[in-house]
Amino acid sequence: MSVDFTTILAPMAGYTDFAFRSVCRDYGVGLTVTEMVSSKALVMGNVLSRRMLYRQPNDSPAFCQIFGHEPSVMAASVQIDEVAAYEGVDINMGCPVRKIVGSGDGSALLEDPRLASQCISAVKRAIGDKPLSVKFRLGVTDSDGAVDFAKMCADSGANFITVHFRTRKQMYSGTADYALLPQIAKAGIPVFANGDVATREQYLRLLDNGASGVAVGRAALGRPQIFAELTGEHYSIDVLQTIERQANMLLQVFCERVTVNEMKKHIAAYLKGMRGGKSVVTEVMNARTLEQILTPCRQFFDTYPDFRRKQN
């Protein structure tokens, strides 16, 4: 597979739903990835898991990210209609959360490269010509096996990898360590660098060190225009309109209660660091209706119009 994009919206549980992916698409992101979905839940017909895979027509290319540790179940899950509708599949082998690891999923597979290989091969056989990616961390407590794990992914059929340059032990603390990027980049498979990428300078430095591109997660929250910033493209964003559009997209699919709860964390991200924003976020967090979360936002941007629009 030829990788013709350099930016990915990294999958984030509770954040990269169809509405946020669509917003990021407005600012030139090359590839988006869904929230991680349990392959077992999909096979068992879990309605919520399948609903998480709803997508907008403009969200392309996009990959569906699955997690699991049973090759046959994972292979069966990617043949389900909701998954098959995506342009490719991403396998999560990096999630450090105890509940996921305790079930043998996510970064637990870093400790069993043989099983990880079987999972990758089974999924690749199931999806045929569609591209397959694998997202993993440097290791459990150190990065000694990172290069070999990357080579295993390539040998097992993955088309590219996304590496979060932290260990499982680090969780999301400390800083990403890119010392091994040049070696991993020579493992015979395109690699996307993930972890603390927030500026164009970082983006260019990672490309210079062998990365095919970058995957941006937390730095994109409240800042979907980061993808234009990284690649040097012109952008203009109206933050209030973006919040309203994102909320209205969710309301087309979910009930008002769910929409409100989903938007609370996004609004907190959009207003982070803005003078006077904390009191608005506090009010939003106590809201129960869509109007109760949008009205304080509108009043805030009426008071601070300079915060509403950003461009380069």
C-alpha atoms as a PDB file:
ATOM      1  CA  MET A   1       0.000   0.000   0.000  1.00  0.00           C
ATOM      2  CA  SER A   2       1.315   3.444  -0.865  1.00  0.00           C
ATOM      3  CA  VAL A   3       0.732   5.891   1.964  1.00  0.00           C
ATOM      4  CA  ASP A   4      -0.285   9.171   0.348  1.00  0.00           C
ATOM      5  CA  PHE A   5      -1.173  11.092   3.498  1.00  0.00           C
ATOM      6  CA  THR A   6       0.957  12.438   6.330  1.00  0.00           C
ATOM      7  CA  THR A   7      -1.565  13.135   9.099  1.00  0.00           C
ATOM      8  CA  ILE A   8      -3.890  10.854  11.046  1.00  0.00           C
ATOM      9  CA  LEU A   9      -6.487  11.687  13.664  1.00  0.00           C
ATOM     10  CA  ALA A  10      -5.468   9.117  16.260  1.00  0.00           C
ATOM     11  CA  PRO A  11      -8.307   7.058  17.743  1.00  0.00           C
ATOM     12  CA  MET A  12      -9.411   8.253  21.189  1.00  0.00           C
ATOM     13  CA  ALA A  13     -12.098   6.512  23.207  1.00  0.00           C
ATOM     14  CA  GLY A  14     -14.962   8.878  23.868  1.00  0.00           C
ATOM     15  CA  TYR A  15     -13.721  11.522  21.435  1.00  0.00           C
ATOM     16  CA  THR A  16     -13.221  10.414  17.832  1.00  0.00           C
ATOM     17  CA  ASP A  17     -16.868   9.870  17.004  1.00  0.00           C
ATOM     18  CA  PHE A  18     -18.210  10.650  13.540  1.00  0.00           C
ATOM     19  CA  ALA A  19     -18.923  14.307  14.352  1.00  0.00           C
ATOM     20  CA  PHE A  20     -15.426  15.156  15.573  1.00  0.00           C
ATOM     21  CA  ARG A  21     -13.873  13.197  12.712  1.00  0.00           C
ATOM     22  CA  SER A  22     -15.976  15.236  10.284  1.00  0.00           C
ATOM     23  CA  VAL A  23     -14.824  18.500  11.850  1.00  0.00           C
ATOM     24  CA  CYS A  24     -11.167  17.433  11.588  1.00  0.00           C
ATOM     25  CA  ARG A  25     -11.768  16.535   7.962  1.00  0.00           C
ATOM     26  CA  ASP A  26     -12.549  20.211   7.329  1.00  0.00           C
ATOM     27  CA  TYR A  27      -8.944  21.041   8.194  1.00  0.00           C
ATOM     28  CA  GLY A  28      -7.229  18.559   5.957  1.00  0.00           C
ATOM     29  CA  VAL A  29      -6.575  15.506   8.109  1.00  0.00           C
ATOM     30  CA  GLY A  30      -5.359  12.711   5.840  1.00  0.00           C
ATOM     31  CA  LEU A  31      -6.909   9.742   7.636  1.00  0.00           C
ATOM     32  CA  THR A  32      -9.335   9.420  10.525  1.00  0.00           C
ATOM     33  CA  VAL A  33      -9.788   6.430  12.819  1.00  0.00           C
ATOM     34  CA  THR A  34     -12.828   5.491  14.882  1.00  0.00           C
ATOM     35  CA  GLU A  35     -12.899   5.002  18.606  1.00  0.00           C
ATOM     36  CA  MET A  36     -11.683   1.505  19.400  1.00  0.00           C
ATOM     37  CA  VAL A  37     -14.452  -1.091  19.232  1.00  0.00           C
ATOM     38  CA  SER A  38     -14.421  -4.583  20.714  1.00  0.00           C
ATOM     39  CA  SER A  39     -14.287  -7.246  18.017  1.00  0.00           C
ATOM     40  CA  LYS A  40     -16.073  -9.651  20.348  1.00  0.00           C
ATOM     41  CA  ALA A  41     -18.865  -7.148  21.014  1.00  0.00           C
ATOM     42  CA  LEU A  42     -19.307  -6.646  17.272  1.00  0.00           C
ATOM     43  CA  VAL A  43     -19.554 -10.376  16.610  1.00  0.00           C
ATOM     44  CA  MET A  44     -22.045 -10.758  19.456  1.00  0.00           C
ATOM     45  CA  GLY A  45     -24.240  -8.104  17.860  1.00  0.00           C
ATOM     46  CA  ASN A  46     -23.795  -5.399  20.486  1.00  0.00           C
ATOM     47  CA  VAL A  47     -25.968  -2.507  19.291  1.00  0.00           C
ATOM     48  CA  LEU A  48     -23.935   0.233  20.993  1.00  0.00           C
ATOM     49  CA  SER A  49     -20.681  -0.997  19.445  1.00  0.00           C
ATOM     50  CA  ARG A  50     -22.199  -1.016  15.983  1.00  0.00           C
ATOM     51  CA  ARG A  51     -23.714   2.414  16.494  1.00  0.00           C
ATOM     52  CA  MET A  52     -20.261   3.758  17.357  1.00  0.00           C
ATOM     53  CA  LEU A  53     -19.282   3.018  13.751  1.00  0.00           C
ATOM     54  CA  TYR A  54     -21.780   5.427  12.206  1.00  0.00           C
ATOM     55  CA  ARG A  55     -20.029   7.719   9.737  1.00  0.00           C
ATOM     56  CA  GLN A  56     -20.691  10.755   7.573  1.00  0.00           C
ATOM     57  CA  PRO A  57     -20.299  10.519   3.771  1.00  0.00           C
ATOM     58  CA  ASN A  58     -17.448  13.063   3.789  1.00  0.00           C
ATOM     59  CA  ASP A  59     -15.362  11.047   6.270  1.00  0.00           C
ATOM     60  CA  SER A  60     -13.077   9.278   3.843  1.00  0.00           C
ATOM     61  CA  PRO A  61     -10.600   7.723   4.015  1.00  0.00           C
ATOM     62  CA  ALA A  62     -11.321   6.384   7.479  1.00  0.00           C
ATOM     63  CA  PHE A  63     -10.293   3.212   9.304  1.00  0.00           C
ATOM     64  CA  CYS A  64     -12.235   1.270  11.897  1.00  0.00           C
ATOM     65  CA  GLN A  65     -10.145   0.435  14.945  1.00  0.00           C
ATOM     66  CA  ILE A  66     -10.850  -2.910  16.623  1.00  0.00           C
ATOM     67  CA  PHE A  67      -9.376  -4.558  19.676  1.00  0.00           C
ATOM     68  CA  GLY A  68      -9.290  -8.166  20.790  1.00  0.00           C
ATOM     69  CA  HIS A  69      -6.947 -11.128  21.149  1.00  0.00           C
ATOM     70  CA  GLU A  70      -8.794 -14.001  19.454  1.00  0.00           C
ATOM     71  CA  PRO A  71      -7.731 -14.221  15.789  1.00  0.00           C
ATOM     72  CA  SER A  72     -10.910 -15.926  14.567  1.00  0.00           C
ATOM     73  CA  VAL A  73     -13.191 -13.474  16.372  1.00  0.00           C
ATOM     74  CA  MET A  74     -11.228 -10.495  15.086  1.00  0.00           C
ATOM     75  CA  ALA A  75     -11.378 -11.878  11.550  1.00  0.00           C
ATOM     76  CA  ALA A  76     -15.139 -12.349  11.819  1.00  0.00           C
ATOM     77  CA  SER A  77     -15.660  -8.838  13.189  1.00  0.00           C
ATOM     78  CA  VAL A  78     -14.088  -7.073  10.208  1.00  0.00           C
ATOM     79  CA  GLN A  79     -16.534  -8.766   7.842  1.00  0.00           C
ATOM     80  CA  ILE A  80     -19.538  -7.192   9.564  1.00  0.00           C
ATOM     81  CA  ASP A  81     -21.201  -4.562   7.379  1.00  0.00           C
ATOM     82  CA  GLU A  82     -20.498  -1.604   9.662  1.00  0.00           C
ATOM     83  CA  VAL A  83     -16.770  -2.405   9.701  1.00  0.00           C
ATOM     84  CA  ALA A  84     -16.575  -3.375   6.042  1.00  0.00           C
ATOM     85  CA  ALA A  85     -17.921   0.069   5.140  1.00  0.00           C
ATOM     86  CA  TYR A  86     -14.599   1.607   6.187  1.00  0.00           C
ATOM     87  CA  GLU A  87     -11.639   1.952   3.841  1.00  0.00           C
ATOM     88  CA  GLY A  88      -9.367  -0.018   6.162  1.00  0.00           C
ATOM     89  CA  VAL A  89      -8.904  -1.559   9.595  1.00  0.00           C
ATOM     90  CA  ASP A  90      -6.619  -0.599  12.465  1.00  0.00           C
ATOM     91  CA  ILE A  91      -5.803  -3.050  15.261  1.00  0.00           C
ATOM     92  CA  ASN A  92      -5.244  -1.596  18.720  1.00  0.00           C
ATOM     93  CA  MET A  93      -2.205  -3.157  20.389  1.00  0.00           C
ATOM     94  CA  GLY A  94      -1.344  -0.134  22.465  1.00  0.00           C
ATOM     95  CA  CYS A  95      -4.175   0.671  24.886  1.00  0.00           C
ATOM     96  CA  PRO A  96      -2.656   0.724  28.405  1.00  0.00           C
ATOM     97  CA  VAL A  97      -5.919   0.812  30.376  1.00  0.00           C
ATOM     98  CA  ARG A  98      -6.008  -1.925  33.020  1.00  0.00           C
ATOM     99  CA  LYS A  99      -9.441  -3.242  32.047  1.00  0.00           C
ATOM    100  CA  ILE A 100      -8.347  -3.730  28.429  1.00  0.00           C
ATOM    101  CA  VAL A 101      -4.947  -5.187  29.289  1.00  0.00           C
ATOM    102  CA  GLY A 102      -6.474  -7.482  31.911  1.00  0.00           C
ATOM    103  CA  SER A 103      -8.646  -9.052  29.228  1.00  0.00           C
ATOM    104  CA  GLY A 104      -5.611  -9.792  27.074  1.00  0.00           C
ATOM    105  CA  ASP A 105      -6.330  -6.976  24.632  1.00  0.00           C
ATOM    106  CA  GLY A 106      -4.569  -3.742  23.682  1.00  0.00           C
ATOM    107  CA  SER A 107      -0.985  -3.511  24.897  1.00  0.00           C
ATOM    108  CA  ALA A 108      -1.236  -6.967  26.495  1.00  0.00           C
ATOM    109  CA  LEU A 109      -0.360  -8.253  23.019  1.00  0.00           C
ATOM    110  CA  LEU A 110       3.061  -6.596  23.296  1.00  0.00           C
ATOM    111  CA  GLU A 111       3.896  -9.429  25.669  1.00  0.00           C
ATOM    112  CA  ASP A 112       2.835 -12.107  23.185  1.00  0.00           C
ATOM    113  CA  PRO A 113       4.206 -11.255  19.713  1.00  0.00           C
ATOM    114  CA  ARG A 114       3.248 -14.678  18.389  1.00  0.00           C
ATOM    115  CA  LEU A 115      -0.424 -14.194  19.224  1.00  0.00           C
ATOM    116  CA  ALA A 116      -0.231 -10.612  17.981  1.00  0.00           C
ATOM    117  CA  SER A 117       1.082 -11.934  14.655  1.00  0.00           C
ATOM    118  CA  GLN A 118      -1.762 -14.437  14.424  1.00  0.00           C
ATOM    119  CA  CYS A 119      -4.303 -11.646  15.024  1.00  0.00           C
ATOM    120  CA  ILE A 120      -2.780  -9.445  12.339  1.00  0.00           C
ATOM    121  CA  SER A 121      -2.599 -12.273   9.791  1.00  0.00           C
ATOM    122  CA  ALA A 122      -6.179 -13.384  10.457  1.00  0.00           C
ATOM    123  CA  VAL A 123      -7.568  -9.881  10.019  1.00  0.00           C
ATOM    124  CA  LYS A 124      -5.514  -9.276   6.889  1.00  0.00           C
ATOM    125  CA  ARG A 125      -6.797 -12.468   5.303  1.00  0.00           C
ATOM    126  CA  ALA A 126     -10.350 -11.418   6.167  1.00  0.00           C
ATOM    127  CA  ILE A 127     -10.134  -7.944   4.622  1.00  0.00           C
ATOM    128  CA  GLY A 128      -8.163  -8.925   1.521  1.00  0.00           C
ATOM    129  CA  ASP A 129      -6.912  -5.956  -0.474  1.00  0.00           C
ATOM    130  CA  LYS A 130      -8.054  -3.372   2.045  1.00  0.00           C
ATOM    131  CA  PRO A 131      -5.221  -1.746   4.020  1.00  0.00           C
ATOM    132  CA  LEU A 132      -4.478  -2.839   7.568  1.00  0.00           C
ATOM    133  CA  SER A 133      -2.628  -0.844  10.188  1.00  0.00           C
ATOM    134  CA  VAL A 134      -1.508  -1.678  13.713  1.00  0.00           C
ATOM    135  CA  LYS A 135      -1.158   0.818  16.553  1.00  0.00           C
ATOM    136  CA  PHE A 136       1.157  -0.109  19.401  1.00  0.00           C
ATOM    137  CA  ARG A 137       3.413   1.342  22.075  1.00  0.00           C
ATOM    138  CA  LEU A 138       7.177   1.090  22.463  1.00  0.00           C
ATOM    139  CA  GLY A 139       6.774  -1.711  24.971  1.00  0.00           C
ATOM    140  CA  VAL A 140       5.488  -2.546  28.428  1.00  0.00           C
ATOM    141  CA  THR A 141       8.221  -1.066  30.631  1.00  0.00           C
ATOM    142  CA  ASP A 142      10.978  -0.400  28.089  1.00  0.00           C
ATOM    143  CA  SER A 143      11.498  -0.179  24.350  1.00  0.00           C
ATOM    144  CA  ASP A 144      13.819  -3.160  23.858  1.00  0.00           C
ATOM    145  CA  GLY A 145      11.377  -5.072  21.638  1.00  0.00           C
ATOM    146  CA  ALA A 146       9.908  -2.179  19.657  1.00  0.00           C
ATOM    147  CA  VAL A 147      11.902  -2.670  16.454  1.00  0.00           C
ATOM    148  CA  ASP A 148      11.247  -6.420  16.395  1.00  0.00           C
ATOM    149  CA  PHE A 149       7.533  -5.822  17.016  1.00  0.00           C
ATOM    150  CA  ALA A 150       7.443  -3.443  14.054  1.00  0.00           C
ATOM    151  CA  LYS A 151       9.121  -6.052  11.849  1.00  0.00           C
ATOM    152  CA  MET A 152       6.621  -8.659  13.038  1.00  0.00           C
ATOM    153  CA  CYS A 153       3.737  -6.383  12.025  1.00  0.00           C
ATOM    154  CA  ALA A 154       5.235  -6.038   8.550  1.00  0.00           C
ATOM    155  CA  ASP A 155       5.838  -9.784   8.203  1.00  0.00           C
ATOM    156  CA  SER A 156       2.296 -10.554   9.392  1.00  0.00           C
ATOM    157  CA  GLY A 157       0.591  -8.441   6.743  1.00  0.00           C
ATOM    158  CA  ALA A 158       0.168  -4.943   8.154  1.00  0.00           C
ATOM    159  CA  ASN A 159       0.455  -2.173   5.575  1.00  0.00           C
ATOM    160  CA  PHE A 160       1.643   0.459   8.037  1.00  0.00           C
ATOM    161  CA  ILE A 161       2.018   1.016  11.763  1.00  0.00           C
ATOM    162  CA  THR A 162       1.336   3.833  14.177  1.00  0.00           C
ATOM    163  CA  VAL A 163       3.665   3.877  17.146  1.00  0.00           C
ATOM    164  CA  HIS A 164       2.866   5.760  20.335  1.00  0.00           C
ATOM    165  CA  PHE A 165       6.365   6.527  21.539  1.00  0.00           C
ATOM    166  CA  ARG A 166       5.595   5.843  25.185  1.00  0.00           C
ATOM    167  CA  THR A 167       5.613   2.565  27.096  1.00  0.00           C
ATOM    168  CA  ARG A 168       2.535   1.051  28.669  1.00  0.00           C
ATOM    169  CA  LYS A 169       3.975   1.848  32.088  1.00  0.00           C
ATOM    170  CA  GLN A 170       4.087   5.547  31.197  1.00  0.00           C
ATOM    171  CA  MET A 171       0.384   5.595  30.322  1.00  0.00           C
ATOM    172  CA  TYR A 172      -0.025   9.215  29.159  1.00  0.00           C
ATOM    173  CA  SER A 173       2.507  10.799  31.500  1.00  0.00           C
ATOM    174  CA  GLY A 174       6.005  12.063  30.812  1.00  0.00           C
ATOM    175  CA  THR A 175       7.122  12.799  27.283  1.00  0.00           C
ATOM    176  CA  ALA A 176       7.224  10.684  24.149  1.00  0.00           C
ATOM    177  CA  ASP A 177      10.709   9.326  23.397  1.00  0.00           C
ATOM    178  CA  TYR A 178      11.475   9.305  19.669  1.00  0.00           C
ATOM    179  CA  ALA A 179      15.030   7.963  19.932  1.00  0.00           C
ATOM    180  CA  LEU A 180      14.077   4.697  18.211  1.00  0.00           C
ATOM    181  CA  LEU A 181      12.140   6.286  15.360  1.00  0.00           C
ATOM    182  CA  PRO A 182      14.986   6.002  12.791  1.00  0.00           C
ATOM    183  CA  GLN A 183      15.415   2.296  13.575  1.00  0.00           C
ATOM    184  CA  ILE A 184      11.705   1.537  13.512  1.00  0.00           C
ATOM    185  CA  ALA A 185      11.427   3.445  10.229  1.00  0.00           C
ATOM    186  CA  LYS A 186      13.884   0.954   8.720  1.00  0.00           C
ATOM    187  CA  ALA A 187      11.830  -2.075   9.783  1.00  0.00           C
ATOM    188  CA  GLY A 188      10.319  -2.450   6.324  1.00  0.00           C
ATOM    189  CA  ILE A 189       6.965  -0.783   6.953  1.00  0.00           C
ATOM    190  CA  PRO A 190       5.760   2.856   6.919  1.00  0.00           C
ATOM    191  CA  VAL A 191       5.533   4.259  10.446  1.00  0.00           C
ATOM    192  CA  PHE A 192       3.377   7.093  11.768  1.00  0.00           C
ATOM    193  CA  ALA A 193       4.680   8.788  14.897  1.00  0.00           C
ATOM    194  CA  ASN A 194       2.289   9.431  17.775  1.00  0.00           C
ATOM    195  CA  GLY A 195       2.823  11.230  21.065  1.00  0.00           C
ATOM    196  CA  ASP A 196       3.063  14.928  21.953  1.00  0.00           C
ATOM    197  CA  VAL A 197       2.889  16.135  18.344  1.00  0.00           C
ATOM    198  CA  ALA A 198       1.550  19.679  18.528  1.00  0.00           C
ATOM    199  CA  THR A 199       3.600  21.938  16.225  1.00  0.00           C
ATOM    200  CA  ARG A 200       4.728  22.093  12.612  1.00  0.00           C
ATOM    201  CA  GLU A 201       8.329  22.041  13.789  1.00  0.00           C
ATOM    202  CA  GLN A 202       7.783  18.702  15.529  1.00  0.00           C
ATOM    203  CA  TYR A 203       5.968  17.362  12.474  1.00  0.00           C
ATOM    204  CA  LEU A 204       8.810  18.272  10.123  1.00  0.00           C
ATOM    205  CA  ARG A 205      11.447  16.914  12.508  1.00  0.00           C
ATOM    206  CA  LEU A 206       9.665  13.545  12.713  1.00  0.00           C
ATOM    207  CA  LEU A 207       9.411  13.351   8.927  1.00  0.00           C
ATOM    208  CA  ASP A 208      13.132  14.100   8.711  1.00  0.00           C
ATOM    209  CA  ASN A 209      13.793  11.217  11.109  1.00  0.00           C
ATOM    210  CA  GLY A 210      12.011   8.629   9.001  1.00  0.00           C
ATOM    211  CA  ALA A 211       8.329   8.903   9.862  1.00  0.00           C
ATOM    212  CA  SER A 212       5.877   8.655   6.972  1.00  0.00           C
ATOM    213  CA  GLY A 213       3.610  10.971   8.905  1.00  0.00           C
ATOM    214  CA  VAL A 214       2.168  11.713  12.331  1.00  0.00           C
ATOM    215  CA  ALA A 215      -0.900  10.650  14.284  1.00  0.00           C
ATOM    216  CA  VAL A 216      -2.353  13.386  16.470  1.00  0.00           C
ATOM    217  CA  GLY A 217      -4.585  12.604  19.419  1.00  0.00           C
ATOM    218  CA  ARG A 218      -4.995  14.846  22.446  1.00  0.00           C
ATOM    219  CA  ALA A 219      -3.479  17.888  20.698  1.00  0.00           C
ATOM    220  CA  ALA A 220      -6.420  17.857  18.269  1.00  0.00           C
ATOM    221  CA  LEU A 221      -9.058  18.152  20.990  1.00  0.00           C
ATOM    222  CA  GLY A 222     -10.524  21.626  20.826  1.00  0.00           C
ATOM    223  CA  ARG A 223      -8.071  22.334  18.013  1.00  0.00           C
ATOM    224  CA  PRO A 224      -9.154  20.465  14.873  1.00  0.00           C
ATOM    225  CA  GLN A 225      -7.277  23.036  12.783  1.00  0.00           C
ATOM    226  CA  ILE A 226      -4.009  21.486  13.977  1.00  0.00           C
ATOM    227  CA  PHE A 227      -3.924  19.339  10.848  1.00  0.00           C
ATOM    228  CA  ALA A 228      -3.766  22.439   8.646  1.00  0.00           C
ATOM    229  CA  GLU A 229      -1.189  23.967  10.982  1.00  0.00           C
ATOM    230  CA  LEU A 230       1.064  20.912  10.767  1.00  0.00           C
ATOM    231  CA  THR A 231       1.057  20.738   6.984  1.00  0.00           C
ATOM    232  CA  GLY A 232       1.309  24.491   6.509  1.00  0.00           C
ATOM    233  CA  GLU A 233      -2.094  24.889   4.876  1.00  0.00           C
ATOM    234  CA  HIS A 234      -4.166  28.050   5.244  1.00  0.00           C
ATOM    235  CA  TYR A 235      -7.165  27.734   7.571  1.00  0.00           C
ATOM    236  CA  SER A 236      -9.881  29.805   9.182  1.00  0.00           C
ATOM    237  CA  ILE A 237     -12.019  28.494  12.015  1.00  0.00           C
ATOM    238  CA  ASP A 238     -15.063  29.906  13.752  1.00  0.00           C
ATOM    239  CA  VAL A 239     -14.969  28.136  17.118  1.00  0.00           C
ATOM    240  CA  LEU A 240     -18.603  28.830  18.016  1.00  0.00           C
ATOM    241  CA  GLN A 241     -19.880  27.620  14.635  1.00  0.00           C
ATOM    242  CA  THR A 242     -17.716  24.528  14.983  1.00  0.00           C
ATOM    243  CA  ILE A 243     -19.187  23.722  18.393  1.00  0.00           C
ATOM    244  CA  GLU A 244     -22.736  24.247  17.086  1.00  0.00           C
ATOM    245  CA  ARG A 245     -22.112  22.155  13.975  1.00  0.00           C
ATOM    246  CA  GLN A 246     -20.579  19.312  15.942  1.00  0.00           C
ATOM    247  CA  ALA A 247     -23.512  19.284  18.366  1.00  0.00           C
ATOM    248  CA  ASN A 248     -26.079  19.331  15.577  1.00  0.00           C
ATOM    249  CA  MET A 249     -24.389  16.421  13.801  1.00  0.00           C
ATOM    250  CA  LEU A 250     -24.565  14.342  16.981  1.00  0.00           C
ATOM    251  CA  LEU A 251     -28.211  15.299  17.478  1.00  0.00           C
ATOM    252  CA  GLN A 252     -29.046  13.788  14.093  1.00  0.00           C
ATOM    253  CA  VAL A 253     -28.012  10.364  15.395  1.00  0.00           C
ATOM    254  CA  PHE A 254     -28.302  10.446  19.179  1.00  0.00           C
ATOM    255  CA  CYS A 255     -30.901  11.716  21.614  1.00  0.00           C
ATOM    256  CA  GLU A 256     -30.442  15.117  23.241  1.00  0.00           C
ATOM    257  CA  ARG A 257     -29.169  13.651  26.527  1.00  0.00           C
ATOM    258  CA  VAL A 258     -26.392  11.710  24.819  1.00  0.00           C
ATOM    259  CA  THR A 259     -25.526  14.656  22.579  1.00  0.00           C
ATOM    260  CA  VAL A 260     -25.239  16.988  25.559  1.00  0.00           C
ATOM    261  CA  ASN A 261     -23.032  14.588  27.503  1.00  0.00           C
ATOM    262  CA  GLU A 262     -20.784  13.993  24.509  1.00  0.00           C
ATOM    263  CA  MET A 263     -20.388  17.710  23.803  1.00  0.00           C
ATOM    264  CA  LYS A 264     -19.462  18.695  27.366  1.00  0.00           C
ATOM    265  CA  LYS A 265     -15.907  17.350  27.103  1.00  0.00           C
ATOM    266  CA  HIS A 266     -15.461  18.814  23.624  1.00  0.00           C
ATOM    267  CA  ILE A 267     -16.600  22.266  24.753  1.00  0.00           C
ATOM    268  CA  ALA A 268     -14.158  22.058  27.659  1.00  0.00           C
ATOM    269  CA  ALA A 269     -11.411  21.355  25.129  1.00  0.00           C
ATOM    270  CA  TYR A 270     -12.443  24.195  22.802  1.00  0.00           C
ATOM    271  CA  LEU A 271     -12.446  26.725  25.657  1.00  0.00           C
ATOM    272  CA  LYS A 272      -9.298  25.459  27.376  1.00  0.00           C
ATOM    273  CA  GLY A 273      -6.851  28.274  28.050  1.00  0.00           C
ATOM    274  CA  MET A 274      -9.283  31.027  27.094  1.00  0.00           C
ATOM    275  CA  ARG A 275      -9.734  33.838  29.606  1.00  0.00           C
ATOM    276  CA  GLY A 276     -13.103  33.431  31.302  1.00  0.00           C
ATOM    277  CA  GLY A 277     -13.578  29.978  29.838  1.00  0.00           C
ATOM    278  CA  LYS A 278     -13.513  28.051  33.122  1.00  0.00           C
ATOM    279  CA  SER A 279     -16.774  29.511  34.410  1.00  0.00           C
ATOM    280  CA  VAL A 280     -18.473  28.684  31.118  1.00  0.00           C
ATOM    281  CA  VAL A 281     -17.226  25.109  31.273  1.00  0.00           C
ATOM    282  CA  THR A 282     -18.538  24.799  34.839  1.00  0.00           C
ATOM    283  CA  GLU A 283     -21.969  25.955  33.670  1.00  0.00           C
ATOM    284  CA  VAL A 284     -21.875  23.604  30.699  1.00  0.00           C
ATOM    285  CA  MET A 285     -20.969  20.630  32.876  1.00  0.00           C
ATOM    286  CA  ASN A 286     -24.173  21.149  34.890  1.00  0.00           C
ATOM    287  CA  ALA A 287     -26.372  21.472  31.794  1.00  0.00           C
ATOM    288  CA  ARG A 288     -29.007  18.965  30.749  1.00  0.00           C
ATOM    289  CA  THR A 289     -30.260  20.360  27.463  1.00  0.00           C
ATOM    290  CA  LEU A 290     -28.587  21.405  24.231  1.00  0.00           C
ATOM    291  CA  GLU A 291     -29.711  24.981  24.707  1.00  0.00           C
ATOM    292  CA  GLN A 292     -28.161  25.005  28.171  1.00  0.00           C
ATOM    293  CA  ILE A 293     -24.754  24.151  26.754  1.00  0.00           C
ATOM    294  CA  LEU A 294     -24.909  26.356  23.657  1.00  0.00           C
ATOM    295  CA  THR A 295     -26.262  29.535  25.265  1.00  0.00           C
ATOM    296  CA  PRO A 296     -23.273  30.033  27.628  1.00  0.00           C
ATOM    297  CA  CYS A 297     -20.935  29.440  24.690  1.00  0.00           C
ATOM    298  CA  ARG A 298     -22.689  32.069  22.584  1.00  0.00           C
ATOM    299  CA  GLN A 299     -22.617  34.554  25.455  1.00  0.00           C
ATOM    300  CA  PHE A 300     -18.935  33.843  26.040  1.00  0.00           C
ATOM    301  CA  PHE A 301     -17.951  34.526  22.429  1.00  0.00           C
ATOM    302  CA  ASP A 302     -20.138  37.660  22.399  1.00  0.00           C
ATOM    303  CA  THR A 303     -18.067  38.866  25.349  1.00  0.00           C
ATOM    304  CA  TYR A 304     -14.750  37.747  23.867  1.00  0.00           C
ATOM    305  CA  PRO A 305     -15.191  37.971  20.081  1.00  0.00           C
ATOM    306  CA  ASP A 306     -11.420  37.771  19.510  1.00  0.00           C
ATOM    307  CA  PHE A 307     -11.478  34.172  20.758  1.00  0.00           C
ATOM    308  CA  ARG A 308     -14.142  33.112  18.280  1.00  0.00           C
ATOM    309  CA  ARG A 309     -12.208  33.178  15.024  1.00  0.00           C
ATOM    310  CA  LYS A 310      -8.710  31.897  14.348  1.00  0.00           C
ATOM    311  CA  GLN A 311      -6.749  31.717  11.131  1.00  0.00           C
ATOM    312  CA  ASN A 312      -3.237  31.637   9.758  1.00  0.00           C
END
